[in-house]
Amino acid sequence: VGAADSRGTAYDPAGLDPASISGLKRARGTVADLPGVGSTDRTAADLVATAEADVVCEASPVNLRQGAEPGLTHIRTALQRGLHVVTPNKGPLVLAYRELHDLAARHGVQLRFDGTVAGGLPAIYLGQRDLRGATVTRIEAVPNLCTGYVLELLGDGLSWEEAKAKARAEGVLEADPSFDLEGWDAAAKLVILVNAVMDVPARLEDVDRTGITGLSGADVVAARKAGRVYKLVATAERRPDGGADLRVAPTPLPADHFLARLGRKQMGVIYHTDIYGTIMAAIDEPTPMPSAATMLRDILDIYVPGAPPAR
């Protein structure tokens, strides 16, 4: 068993104590400090390339601006070694979905990534497993928690600066919020959904993307008074030629729309299908726990008999 963080690694074929690792991380330490098994010389990449393992859980930063590294290399290496991969890291899936899918199939292992979309909501499983036999014709989603939170605050009458400050204090807003507020996160998640659920090749550059930074607080308040609710909505529409039109944009939804009714820390998805009708699902995620738990769900799904292979 091995573990890695940004400052080092730990490896012991006999196993590592999860409580010890958790204690170190809570104290802002590094796994390299684990007595007898920790190392600052061995990197995460070294560990993935050499460790005796069955599954690699890859949870490095998304890092789309730098080619999704180091996560993309970690996942490639693991799949090439014949190891299953579980990841909530959307970067590699956005930039190299088809390559990684084919690599997993070629080596007879599974690549699981349900945590890449909408936190703990099983959006990928729902689309791949529970809608088997159907054609998904349209996807509508609010997959980004941060923008929903900020838009709710703007609708309550807070200024942009007040809304961002409150969201940051709640741990919802990153130090650099541009990835969320400019729609990149929602676009990345939409690309994964379209590849995985619609089985349509899609790239980030295919998304017609508009973030929420062009909206004023007055816009959001006025919409609410008119019976509409602004959400950053990601949509994909299947075309007759087999492709799909992808769009991310702030949208004033009717107040009774399923996605409009999502709360401040909720995310949701709607699948429109040819034979199952319209399926809607949402999650309330007040803490990071559901997102983290998706990795456990993915691991269990690999080893539970009858679990469907990821597309």
Protein backbone atom coordinates (compact mmCIF):
# COMPACT_ATOMS: atom_id res chain seq x y z
CA VAL A 1 0.00 0.00 0.00
CA GLY A 2 1.29 3.44 -0.86
CA ALA A 3 0.23 7.04 -0.28
CA ALA A 4 1.52 10.28 -1.73
CA ASP A 5 1.04 14.00 -1.26
CA SER A 6 2.79 17.08 -2.64
CA ARG A 7 5.74 16.71 -0.25
CA GLY A 8 6.51 13.01 -0.31
CA THR A 9 5.32 9.43 -0.23
CA ALA A 10 4.94 6.42 2.02
CA TYR A 11 4.99 2.79 0.97
CA ASP A 12 4.75 -0.47 2.88
CA PRO A 13 3.81 -3.79 1.22
CA ALA A 14 2.32 -4.86 4.56
CA GLY A 15 -0.07 -1.90 4.56
CA LEU A 16 -0.36 1.62 5.96
CA ASP A 17 -2.46 2.77 8.90
CA PRO A 18 -5.23 5.08 7.60
CA ALA A 19 -5.64 6.73 11.01
CA SER A 20 -1.96 7.69 11.07
CA ILE A 21 -2.18 9.19 7.59
CA SER A 22 -5.34 11.09 8.50
CA GLY A 23 -3.75 12.43 11.66
CA LEU A 24 -0.70 13.68 9.79
CA LYS A 25 -2.80 15.41 7.14
CA ARG A 26 -5.08 17.03 9.72
CA ALA A 27 -1.95 18.41 11.38
CA ARG A 28 -0.83 19.70 7.95
CA GLY A 29 1.99 17.19 7.87
CA THR A 30 3.12 14.90 5.06
CA VAL A 31 2.94 11.15 4.60
CA ALA A 32 6.70 11.31 4.20
CA ASP A 33 6.85 11.70 7.99
CA LEU A 34 5.45 8.21 8.61
CA PRO A 35 8.21 6.38 10.54
CA GLY A 36 10.11 3.77 8.59
CA VAL A 37 8.00 3.98 5.42
CA GLY A 38 7.95 7.67 4.49
CA SER A 39 10.25 9.30 1.97
CA THR A 40 10.81 12.78 0.54
CA ASP A 41 12.95 11.35 -2.28
CA ARG A 42 10.33 9.12 -3.87
CA THR A 43 7.66 11.03 -5.82
CA ALA A 44 4.03 10.17 -6.49
CA ALA A 45 5.01 9.34 -10.06
CA ASP A 46 7.66 6.92 -8.76
CA LEU A 47 5.09 5.28 -6.52
CA VAL A 48 2.55 4.82 -9.34
CA ALA A 49 5.25 3.38 -11.59
CA THR A 50 6.66 0.85 -9.13
CA ALA A 51 4.29 0.01 -6.28
CA GLU A 52 2.72 -3.43 -5.97
CA ALA A 53 -0.95 -2.46 -6.17
CA ASP A 54 -4.33 -3.30 -7.65
CA VAL A 55 -5.93 0.16 -7.73
CA VAL A 56 -4.53 3.67 -8.02
CA CYS A 57 -6.63 6.46 -6.49
CA GLU A 58 -5.52 9.62 -8.27
CA ALA A 59 -6.62 12.86 -6.59
CA SER A 60 -4.03 15.44 -7.58
CA PRO A 61 -5.14 19.00 -8.52
CA VAL A 62 -7.19 19.42 -11.72
CA ASN A 63 -4.62 21.72 -13.37
CA LEU A 64 -6.22 22.14 -16.81
CA ARG A 65 -3.99 25.14 -17.48
CA GLN A 66 -0.86 22.94 -17.37
CA GLY A 67 -2.08 19.94 -19.34
CA ALA A 68 -3.79 18.22 -16.39
CA GLU A 69 -0.42 17.18 -14.97
CA PRO A 70 0.69 15.36 -12.95
CA GLY A 71 -2.63 13.52 -12.89
CA LEU A 72 -2.66 12.61 -16.57
CA THR A 73 0.76 10.95 -16.35
CA HIS A 74 -0.21 9.13 -13.15
CA ILE A 75 -3.34 7.70 -14.78
CA ARG A 76 -1.58 6.73 -18.02
CA THR A 77 1.17 4.97 -16.08
CA ALA A 78 -1.26 3.07 -13.88
CA LEU A 79 -3.41 1.89 -16.79
CA GLN A 80 -0.34 0.83 -18.78
CA ARG A 81 0.73 -1.25 -15.77
CA GLY A 82 -2.64 -2.99 -15.71
CA LEU A 83 -3.91 -1.25 -12.58
CA HIS A 84 -7.47 -0.05 -12.06
CA VAL A 85 -7.78 3.72 -11.63
CA VAL A 86 -10.25 5.67 -9.52
CA THR A 87 -10.14 9.45 -9.81
CA PRO A 88 -12.16 12.57 -9.00
CA ASN A 89 -9.64 14.55 -11.08
CA LYS A 90 -11.55 15.94 -14.04
CA GLY A 91 -8.50 17.36 -15.84
CA PRO A 92 -7.19 14.13 -17.42
CA LEU A 93 -10.72 13.06 -18.43
CA VAL A 94 -11.38 16.40 -20.11
CA LEU A 95 -8.12 16.46 -22.07
CA ALA A 96 -7.72 12.77 -22.89
CA TYR A 97 -11.02 10.96 -22.33
CA ARG A 98 -10.92 8.70 -25.40
CA GLU A 99 -7.23 7.90 -25.02
CA LEU A 100 -7.64 6.87 -21.37
CA HIS A 101 -10.84 4.94 -22.10
CA ASP A 102 -9.09 2.98 -24.85
CA LEU A 103 -5.99 2.45 -22.70
CA ALA A 104 -8.07 0.94 -19.89
CA ALA A 105 -9.89 -1.35 -22.32
CA ARG A 106 -6.64 -2.46 -23.94
CA HIS A 107 -5.13 -3.46 -20.59
CA GLY A 108 -8.29 -5.06 -19.23
CA VAL A 109 -8.74 -2.69 -16.30
CA GLN A 110 -11.32 -0.15 -15.23
CA LEU A 111 -11.14 3.63 -15.12
CA ARG A 112 -13.72 5.00 -12.68
CA PHE A 113 -14.40 8.72 -12.39
CA ASP A 114 -17.86 9.34 -10.97
CA GLY A 115 -16.45 11.99 -8.62
CA THR A 116 -15.44 14.25 -11.52
CA VAL A 117 -18.99 15.56 -11.99
CA ALA A 118 -21.27 17.26 -9.43
CA GLY A 119 -19.52 16.13 -6.28
CA GLY A 120 -21.15 13.11 -4.66
CA LEU A 121 -24.07 12.98 -7.09
CA PRO A 122 -23.78 9.67 -9.03
CA ALA A 123 -24.38 11.45 -12.32
CA ILE A 124 -22.09 9.16 -14.34
CA TYR A 125 -23.49 5.95 -12.83
CA LEU A 126 -27.04 7.13 -13.37
CA GLY A 127 -26.38 7.91 -17.01
CA GLN A 128 -24.33 4.81 -17.83
CA ARG A 129 -25.92 2.11 -15.71
CA ASP A 130 -29.51 3.07 -14.99
CA LEU A 131 -30.22 4.43 -18.47
CA ARG A 132 -28.78 1.45 -20.34
CA GLY A 133 -30.70 0.77 -23.53
CA ALA A 134 -31.71 4.41 -23.93
CA THR A 135 -30.37 7.23 -26.04
CA VAL A 136 -29.78 10.37 -24.00
CA THR A 137 -30.95 13.17 -26.28
CA ARG A 138 -30.32 16.14 -24.00
CA ILE A 139 -28.50 16.92 -20.78
CA GLU A 140 -29.19 19.87 -18.49
CA ALA A 141 -27.06 20.28 -15.40
CA VAL A 142 -25.99 22.60 -12.63
CA PRO A 143 -22.73 20.81 -11.83
CA ASN A 144 -20.86 23.63 -10.07
CA LEU A 145 -21.64 24.41 -6.44
CA CYS A 146 -19.69 27.67 -6.24
CA THR A 147 -21.63 29.56 -8.92
CA GLY A 148 -24.98 28.46 -7.52
CA TYR A 149 -23.96 29.72 -4.10
CA VAL A 150 -22.77 33.11 -5.39
CA LEU A 151 -25.87 33.60 -7.57
CA GLU A 152 -28.13 32.89 -4.58
CA LEU A 153 -26.30 35.54 -2.55
CA LEU A 154 -26.54 38.07 -5.38
CA GLY A 155 -30.26 37.35 -5.57
CA ASP A 156 -30.50 38.11 -1.84
CA GLY A 157 -29.17 41.60 -2.57
CA LEU A 158 -25.50 41.20 -1.69
CA SER A 159 -22.91 42.94 -3.84
CA TRP A 160 -20.41 40.93 -5.86
CA GLU A 161 -17.66 41.62 -3.33
CA GLU A 162 -19.91 40.71 -0.40
CA ALA A 163 -21.05 37.52 -2.12
CA LYS A 164 -17.49 36.45 -2.92
CA ALA A 165 -16.30 37.22 0.61
CA LYS A 166 -19.10 35.16 2.15
CA ALA A 167 -18.55 32.28 -0.27
CA ARG A 168 -14.83 32.31 0.50
CA ALA A 169 -15.50 32.34 4.25
CA GLU A 170 -17.77 29.30 3.78
CA GLY A 171 -15.00 27.47 1.91
CA VAL A 172 -17.02 27.46 -1.31
CA LEU A 173 -14.83 29.89 -3.26
CA GLU A 174 -11.20 29.17 -4.18
CA ALA A 175 -8.44 31.74 -3.74
CA ASP A 176 -8.54 32.08 -7.55
CA PRO A 177 -12.26 31.78 -8.31
CA SER A 178 -11.98 32.31 -12.08
CA PHE A 179 -12.15 28.60 -12.94
CA ASP A 180 -15.59 28.42 -11.33
CA LEU A 181 -17.02 31.88 -11.99
CA GLU A 182 -15.99 32.00 -15.65
CA GLY A 183 -17.65 28.67 -16.35
CA TRP A 184 -14.57 26.51 -16.95
CA ASP A 185 -15.44 24.00 -14.22
CA ALA A 186 -19.00 23.54 -15.51
CA ALA A 187 -17.69 23.22 -19.08
CA ALA A 188 -15.16 20.57 -18.04
CA LYS A 189 -17.85 18.55 -16.28
CA LEU A 190 -20.16 18.85 -19.28
CA VAL A 191 -17.43 17.47 -21.56
CA ILE A 192 -17.09 14.42 -19.29
CA LEU A 193 -20.85 13.87 -19.18
CA VAL A 194 -21.17 14.05 -22.95
CA ASN A 195 -18.33 11.58 -23.48
CA ALA A 196 -19.44 9.17 -20.76
CA VAL A 197 -23.24 9.31 -20.91
CA MET A 198 -24.00 10.37 -24.49
CA ASP A 199 -20.99 8.46 -25.85
CA VAL A 200 -20.26 11.45 -28.09
CA PRO A 201 -16.64 12.63 -28.47
CA ALA A 202 -16.38 16.12 -26.98
CA ARG A 203 -13.58 18.50 -26.06
CA LEU A 204 -13.39 21.64 -23.95
CA GLU A 205 -13.10 23.80 -27.05
CA ASP A 206 -16.46 22.45 -28.22
CA VAL A 207 -18.27 24.22 -25.38
CA ASP A 208 -19.90 27.60 -26.00
CA ARG A 209 -18.96 28.99 -22.59
CA THR A 210 -20.12 32.08 -20.71
CA GLY A 211 -19.48 32.52 -17.00
CA ILE A 212 -21.45 34.49 -14.44
CA THR A 213 -19.05 37.42 -14.05
CA GLY A 214 -20.95 39.44 -16.67
CA LEU A 215 -24.07 39.45 -14.50
CA SER A 216 -24.73 42.26 -12.06
CA GLY A 217 -26.44 41.80 -8.74
CA ALA A 218 -29.27 43.92 -10.11
CA ASP A 219 -29.72 41.43 -12.98
CA VAL A 220 -30.12 38.54 -10.56
CA VAL A 221 -32.47 40.45 -8.24
CA ALA A 222 -34.62 41.61 -11.16
CA ALA A 223 -34.91 38.06 -12.47
CA ARG A 224 -36.02 36.81 -9.06
CA LYS A 225 -38.70 39.52 -8.84
CA ALA A 226 -39.93 38.40 -12.27
CA GLY A 227 -40.30 34.82 -11.05
CA ARG A 228 -37.08 33.51 -12.55
CA VAL A 229 -33.89 32.15 -10.97
CA TYR A 230 -30.41 32.51 -12.44
CA LYS A 231 -28.32 29.34 -12.57
CA LEU A 232 -25.15 28.54 -14.47
CA VAL A 233 -26.60 25.81 -16.66
CA ALA A 234 -24.60 23.30 -18.70
CA THR A 235 -26.55 21.82 -21.61
CA ALA A 236 -25.81 19.30 -24.34
CA GLU A 237 -28.17 18.62 -27.22
CA ARG A 238 -27.66 15.58 -29.44
CA ARG A 239 -27.64 16.45 -33.15
CA PRO A 240 -29.02 14.27 -35.98
CA ASP A 241 -25.46 13.83 -37.31
CA GLY A 242 -24.38 12.07 -34.08
CA GLY A 243 -22.56 15.01 -32.54
CA ALA A 244 -23.74 17.29 -29.78
CA ASP A 245 -24.03 21.02 -29.16
CA LEU A 246 -22.51 21.98 -25.80
CA ARG A 247 -23.23 25.22 -23.94
CA VAL A 248 -22.56 26.71 -20.52
CA ALA A 249 -24.28 29.99 -19.69
CA PRO A 250 -26.07 31.84 -16.89
CA THR A 251 -29.74 31.18 -17.54
CA PRO A 252 -32.84 32.76 -15.92
CA LEU A 253 -34.91 29.63 -15.33
CA PRO A 254 -38.60 29.62 -14.44
CA ALA A 255 -38.92 29.32 -10.67
CA ASP A 256 -40.64 25.94 -10.95
CA HIS A 257 -37.86 24.41 -13.08
CA PHE A 258 -36.14 21.48 -11.35
CA LEU A 259 -32.71 23.12 -11.53
CA ALA A 260 -34.07 26.50 -10.40
CA ARG A 261 -35.23 24.88 -7.16
CA LEU A 262 -31.71 23.77 -6.22
CA GLY A 263 -30.46 25.34 -2.99
CA ARG A 264 -27.19 27.13 -2.32
CA LYS A 265 -25.14 24.00 -1.82
CA GLN A 266 -26.96 21.73 -4.21
CA MET A 267 -26.17 20.43 -7.68
CA GLY A 268 -28.34 18.59 -10.15
CA VAL A 269 -28.68 16.94 -13.53
CA ILE A 270 -31.54 16.20 -15.93
CA TYR A 271 -31.30 13.48 -18.56
CA HIS A 272 -33.80 13.53 -21.42
CA THR A 273 -34.05 10.09 -23.07
CA ASP A 274 -35.88 8.41 -25.91
CA ILE A 275 -37.47 5.56 -23.92
CA TYR A 276 -37.21 6.36 -20.20
CA GLY A 277 -38.58 9.88 -20.37
CA THR A 278 -36.91 12.57 -18.27
CA ILE A 279 -34.81 11.62 -15.25
CA MET A 280 -33.81 14.22 -12.66
CA ALA A 281 -31.35 13.89 -9.78
CA ALA A 282 -29.85 16.29 -7.26
CA ILE A 283 -27.55 16.33 -4.26
CA ASP A 284 -27.30 18.53 -1.19
CA GLU A 285 -23.60 18.79 -0.39
CA PRO A 286 -22.93 21.03 2.63
CA THR A 287 -19.51 19.41 3.26
CA PRO A 288 -16.78 17.87 1.06
CA MET A 289 -17.55 14.38 2.42
CA PRO A 290 -19.86 13.23 -0.43
CA SER A 291 -17.27 14.21 -3.04
CA ALA A 292 -14.54 12.32 -1.19
CA ALA A 293 -16.82 9.31 -0.74
CA THR A 294 -17.21 8.90 -4.50
CA MET A 295 -13.78 7.28 -4.55
CA LEU A 296 -14.96 4.61 -2.14
CA ARG A 297 -18.06 4.06 -4.29
CA ASP A 298 -15.89 3.68 -7.38
CA ILE A 299 -13.60 1.16 -5.67
CA LEU A 300 -16.55 -0.89 -4.45
CA ASP A 301 -18.09 -0.83 -7.91
CA ILE A 302 -14.93 -2.29 -9.44
CA TYR A 303 -15.07 -5.29 -7.13
CA VAL A 304 -18.82 -5.87 -6.77
CA PRO A 305 -19.84 -8.66 -9.19
CA GLY A 306 -21.95 -7.42 -12.04
CA ALA A 307 -20.77 -3.81 -11.91
CA PRO A 308 -20.99 -2.41 -15.45
CA PRO A 309 -17.73 -1.41 -17.14
CA ALA A 310 -17.25 2.32 -17.67
CA ARG A 311 -17.65 3.47 -21.24
